[in-house]
Each structure stands twice: as C-alpha cells, then as structure tokens.
C-alpha cells in the first residue's frame, strides 16, 4: 500500500511539473488546424492521469496541437472495460485509432509518439 501511495504521489508531481513546463503548441494556419482537428476526432487516448508514460504522450499531443479525447481508464469503468475488451489488455497509454471501419489499438508511449509525429508533425 505504501508503494502504491508513493507511486501515485510521484505520478501526480510528474504530471504537475509537465503541465507547468510543456511549452507552446504548434502553430498552423486556420485551414491546416481545421484538418488536424478533424483527424483528431478519430483518435482516443486511454490513460491514467498520473502515469509517467501517459504524461509523455500528453506532452506530445500538446506539442503537436492535436485535440485527442483523453479517456481515464483508471477511474472510469466504461473506458477500462473498453480497453480490456477491445484493446486486449488494461495497459496505458493506449491510442485508439479509427480509420473508416477499421480500429487499431496502439500501446507503448514511444510508438504512439512516433505515430503522432509522423502523422501531425
């Protein structure tokens, strides 16, 4: 229990520092940002607020100025169940990518950040 409290506390500190130091979002023309906003509608990030790997992905999302729905898989039973049933496991971060009728579940913060950089960078 002590380890869990320590991990949660450190995670919150990391998340707080991240918000304070995240820097400016990418600037685009209105037309380009509208396209990015539309593309972001097909993405959802399943995450825990105080997970350091989730913080890493959220920083990339902010940096690239992509509006992606954040789904709290720790405190929301519906999102947790979706992640387990459709993604195959409860592991975060996980990016849900929907293109047409195809849905892909991408785990690992480095893979997610590389995908976001390649698509929106």
C-alpha atoms as a PDB file:
ATOM      1  CA  UNK A   1       0.000   0.000   0.000  1.00  0.00           C
ATOM      2  CA  UNK A   2       2.856   2.375   0.783  1.00  0.00           C
ATOM      3  CA  UNK A   3       4.393   1.686  -2.620  1.00  0.00           C
ATOM      4  CA  UNK A   4       1.070   2.421  -4.305  1.00  0.00           C
ATOM      5  CA  UNK A   5       0.712   5.739  -2.454  1.00  0.00           C
ATOM      6  CA  UNK A   6       4.298   6.679  -3.246  1.00  0.00           C
ATOM      7  CA  UNK A   7       3.842   5.825  -6.931  1.00  0.00           C
ATOM      8  CA  UNK A   8       0.591   7.796  -7.113  1.00  0.00           C
ATOM      9  CA  UNK A   9       2.144  10.795  -5.359  1.00  0.00           C
ATOM     10  CA  UNK A  10       5.210  10.842  -7.601  1.00  0.00           C
ATOM     11  CA  UNK A  11       2.977  10.442 -10.653  1.00  0.00           C
ATOM     12  CA  UNK A  12       0.943  13.489  -9.649  1.00  0.00           C
ATOM     13  CA  UNK A  13       4.125  15.507  -9.131  1.00  0.00           C
ATOM     14  CA  UNK A  14       5.392  14.477 -12.581  1.00  0.00           C
ATOM     15  CA  UNK A  15       2.031  15.364 -14.163  1.00  0.00           C
ATOM     16  CA  UNK A  16       2.010  18.759 -12.437  1.00  0.00           C
ATOM     17  CA  UNK A  17       5.545  19.613 -13.492  1.00  0.00           C
ATOM     18  CA  UNK A  18       4.709  18.518 -17.023  1.00  0.00           C
ATOM     19  CA  UNK A  19       1.776  20.917 -17.263  1.00  0.00           C
ATOM     20  CA  UNK A  20       3.895  23.798 -15.953  1.00  0.00           C
ATOM     21  CA  UNK A  21       6.757  23.127 -18.398  1.00  0.00           C
ATOM     22  CA  UNK A  22       5.012  21.882 -21.529  1.00  0.00           C
ATOM     23  CA  UNK A  23       5.801  24.874 -23.718  1.00  0.00           C
ATOM     24  CA  UNK A  24       3.884  26.220 -26.688  1.00  0.00           C
ATOM     25  CA  UNK A  25       1.713  24.215 -29.027  1.00  0.00           C
ATOM     26  CA  UNK A  26       2.499  24.002 -32.736  1.00  0.00           C
ATOM     27  CA  UNK A  27       1.077  26.892 -34.764  1.00  0.00           C
ATOM     28  CA  UNK A  28      -0.723  26.190 -38.034  1.00  0.00           C
ATOM     29  CA  UNK A  29      -2.866  28.112 -40.449  1.00  0.00           C
ATOM     30  CA  UNK A  30      -6.587  28.001 -39.656  1.00  0.00           C
ATOM     31  CA  UNK A  31      -7.178  25.650 -42.593  1.00  0.00           C
ATOM     32  CA  UNK A  32      -4.397  23.276 -41.559  1.00  0.00           C
ATOM     33  CA  UNK A  33      -5.535  23.277 -37.928  1.00  0.00           C
ATOM     34  CA  UNK A  34      -9.092  22.504 -39.038  1.00  0.00           C
ATOM     35  CA  UNK A  35      -7.775  19.421 -40.870  1.00  0.00           C
ATOM     36  CA  UNK A  36      -5.817  18.346 -37.788  1.00  0.00           C
ATOM     37  CA  UNK A  37      -8.891  18.896 -35.595  1.00  0.00           C
ATOM     38  CA  UNK A  38     -10.951  16.700 -37.912  1.00  0.00           C
ATOM     39  CA  UNK A  39      -8.278  13.962 -37.918  1.00  0.00           C
ATOM     40  CA  UNK A  40      -8.083  14.139 -34.108  1.00  0.00           C
ATOM     41  CA  UNK A  41     -11.752  13.148 -33.875  1.00  0.00           C
ATOM     42  CA  UNK A  42     -10.801   9.603 -34.894  1.00  0.00           C
ATOM     43  CA  UNK A  43      -8.288   9.243 -32.027  1.00  0.00           C
ATOM     44  CA  UNK A  44      -8.755   8.500 -28.313  1.00  0.00           C
ATOM     45  CA  UNK A  45      -6.056   8.097 -25.687  1.00  0.00           C
ATOM     46  CA  UNK A  46      -6.761   5.648 -22.879  1.00  0.00           C
ATOM     47  CA  UNK A  47      -4.611   6.816 -19.991  1.00  0.00           C
ATOM     48  CA  UNK A  48      -4.096   7.238 -16.260  1.00  0.00           C
ATOM     49  CA  UNK A  49      -3.632  10.831 -15.095  1.00  0.00           C
ATOM     50  CA  UNK A  50      -0.501  10.165 -13.048  1.00  0.00           C
ATOM     51  CA  UNK A  51       1.209   7.589 -15.303  1.00  0.00           C
ATOM     52  CA  UNK A  52       4.609   8.957 -16.444  1.00  0.00           C
ATOM     53  CA  UNK A  53       4.313   7.271 -19.843  1.00  0.00           C
ATOM     54  CA  UNK A  54       0.870   8.839 -20.310  1.00  0.00           C
ATOM     55  CA  UNK A  55       2.346  12.224 -19.362  1.00  0.00           C
ATOM     56  CA  UNK A  56       4.923  11.702 -22.114  1.00  0.00           C
ATOM     57  CA  UNK A  57       2.185  11.108 -24.700  1.00  0.00           C
ATOM     58  CA  UNK A  58       0.046  14.004 -23.468  1.00  0.00           C
ATOM     59  CA  UNK A  59       3.073  16.308 -23.841  1.00  0.00           C
ATOM     60  CA  UNK A  60       3.428  15.173 -27.474  1.00  0.00           C
ATOM     61  CA  UNK A  61      -0.286  15.733 -28.078  1.00  0.00           C
ATOM     62  CA  UNK A  62       0.019  19.265 -26.673  1.00  0.00           C
ATOM     63  CA  UNK A  63       3.214  19.990 -28.624  1.00  0.00           C
ATOM     64  CA  UNK A  64       1.593  18.875 -31.905  1.00  0.00           C
ATOM     65  CA  UNK A  65      -1.664  20.728 -31.070  1.00  0.00           C
ATOM     66  CA  UNK A  66      -3.889  17.718 -31.784  1.00  0.00           C
ATOM     67  CA  UNK A  67      -7.251  17.592 -29.991  1.00  0.00           C
ATOM     68  CA  UNK A  68      -7.476  13.966 -28.877  1.00  0.00           C
ATOM     69  CA  UNK A  69     -10.107  12.718 -26.451  1.00  0.00           C
ATOM     70  CA  UNK A  70      -8.488  11.587 -23.197  1.00  0.00           C
ATOM     71  CA  UNK A  71     -10.177   8.586 -21.609  1.00  0.00           C
ATOM     72  CA  UNK A  72      -9.398   7.900 -17.952  1.00  0.00           C
ATOM     73  CA  UNK A  73      -9.113   4.106 -17.816  1.00  0.00           C
ATOM     74  CA  UNK A  74      -8.328   4.164 -14.105  1.00  0.00           C
ATOM     75  CA  UNK A  75     -11.397   5.942 -12.735  1.00  0.00           C
ATOM     76  CA  UNK A  76     -13.973   5.277 -15.463  1.00  0.00           C
ATOM     77  CA  UNK A  77     -15.224   1.674 -15.553  1.00  0.00           C
ATOM     78  CA  UNK A  78     -16.659   2.041 -19.068  1.00  0.00           C
ATOM     79  CA  UNK A  79     -13.314   3.148 -20.540  1.00  0.00           C
ATOM     80  CA  UNK A  80     -11.459   0.475 -18.553  1.00  0.00           C
ATOM     81  CA  UNK A  81     -13.796  -2.217 -19.927  1.00  0.00           C
ATOM     82  CA  UNK A  82     -13.467  -0.885 -23.499  1.00  0.00           C
ATOM     83  CA  UNK A  83      -9.689  -1.045 -23.185  1.00  0.00           C
ATOM     84  CA  UNK A  84      -9.743  -4.602 -21.830  1.00  0.00           C
ATOM     85  CA  UNK A  85     -12.333  -5.978 -24.255  1.00  0.00           C
ATOM     86  CA  UNK A  86     -11.297  -4.222 -27.454  1.00  0.00           C
ATOM     87  CA  UNK A  87      -7.626  -3.429 -26.887  1.00  0.00           C
ATOM     88  CA  UNK A  88      -6.960  -6.812 -25.354  1.00  0.00           C
ATOM     89  CA  UNK A  89      -5.431  -5.660 -22.066  1.00  0.00           C
ATOM     90  CA  UNK A  90      -5.570  -2.929 -19.458  1.00  0.00           C
ATOM     91  CA  UNK A  91      -2.310  -1.171 -20.207  1.00  0.00           C
ATOM     92  CA  UNK A  92      -1.777   2.528 -20.697  1.00  0.00           C
ATOM     93  CA  UNK A  93      -1.110   4.595 -22.620  1.00  0.00           C
ATOM     94  CA  UNK A  94      -3.139   3.152 -25.463  1.00  0.00           C
ATOM     95  CA  UNK A  95      -4.125   5.121 -28.551  1.00  0.00           C
ATOM     96  CA  UNK A  96      -7.338   4.027 -30.266  1.00  0.00           C
ATOM     97  CA  UNK A  97      -7.121   4.859 -33.974  1.00  0.00           C
ATOM     98  CA  UNK A  98     -10.292   4.608 -36.044  1.00  0.00           C
ATOM     99  CA  UNK A  99      -9.937   4.879 -39.807  1.00  0.00           C
ATOM    100  CA  UNK A 100     -13.128   4.176 -41.725  1.00  0.00           C
ATOM    101  CA  UNK A 101     -14.449   0.956 -40.145  1.00  0.00           C
ATOM    102  CA  UNK A 102     -11.011  -0.257 -39.023  1.00  0.00           C
ATOM    103  CA  UNK A 103      -9.917   0.222 -35.402  1.00  0.00           C
ATOM    104  CA  UNK A 104      -6.322  -0.161 -34.270  1.00  0.00           C
ATOM    105  CA  UNK A 105      -5.126  -0.168 -30.655  1.00  0.00           C
ATOM    106  CA  UNK A 106      -1.575   1.135 -30.231  1.00  0.00           C
ATOM    107  CA  UNK A 107       0.304   0.605 -26.978  1.00  0.00           C
ATOM    108  CA  UNK A 108       3.733   1.922 -25.884  1.00  0.00           C
ATOM    109  CA  UNK A 109       4.405   5.628 -25.478  1.00  0.00           C
ATOM    110  CA  UNK A 110       7.334   5.670 -27.927  1.00  0.00           C
ATOM    111  CA  UNK A 111       5.233   4.031 -30.665  1.00  0.00           C
ATOM    112  CA  UNK A 112       2.325   6.405 -30.028  1.00  0.00           C
ATOM    113  CA  UNK A 113       4.580   9.473 -30.073  1.00  0.00           C
ATOM    114  CA  UNK A 114       6.278   8.320 -33.294  1.00  0.00           C
ATOM    115  CA  UNK A 115       2.877   7.779 -34.926  1.00  0.00           C
ATOM    116  CA  UNK A 116       1.643  11.222 -33.837  1.00  0.00           C
ATOM    117  CA  UNK A 117       4.846  12.913 -35.010  1.00  0.00           C
ATOM    118  CA  UNK A 118       4.699  11.169 -38.387  1.00  0.00           C
ATOM    119  CA  UNK A 119       1.013  11.997 -38.882  1.00  0.00           C
ATOM    120  CA  UNK A 120       0.837  15.528 -37.449  1.00  0.00           C
ATOM    121  CA  UNK A 121       4.432  16.777 -37.132  1.00  0.00           C
END
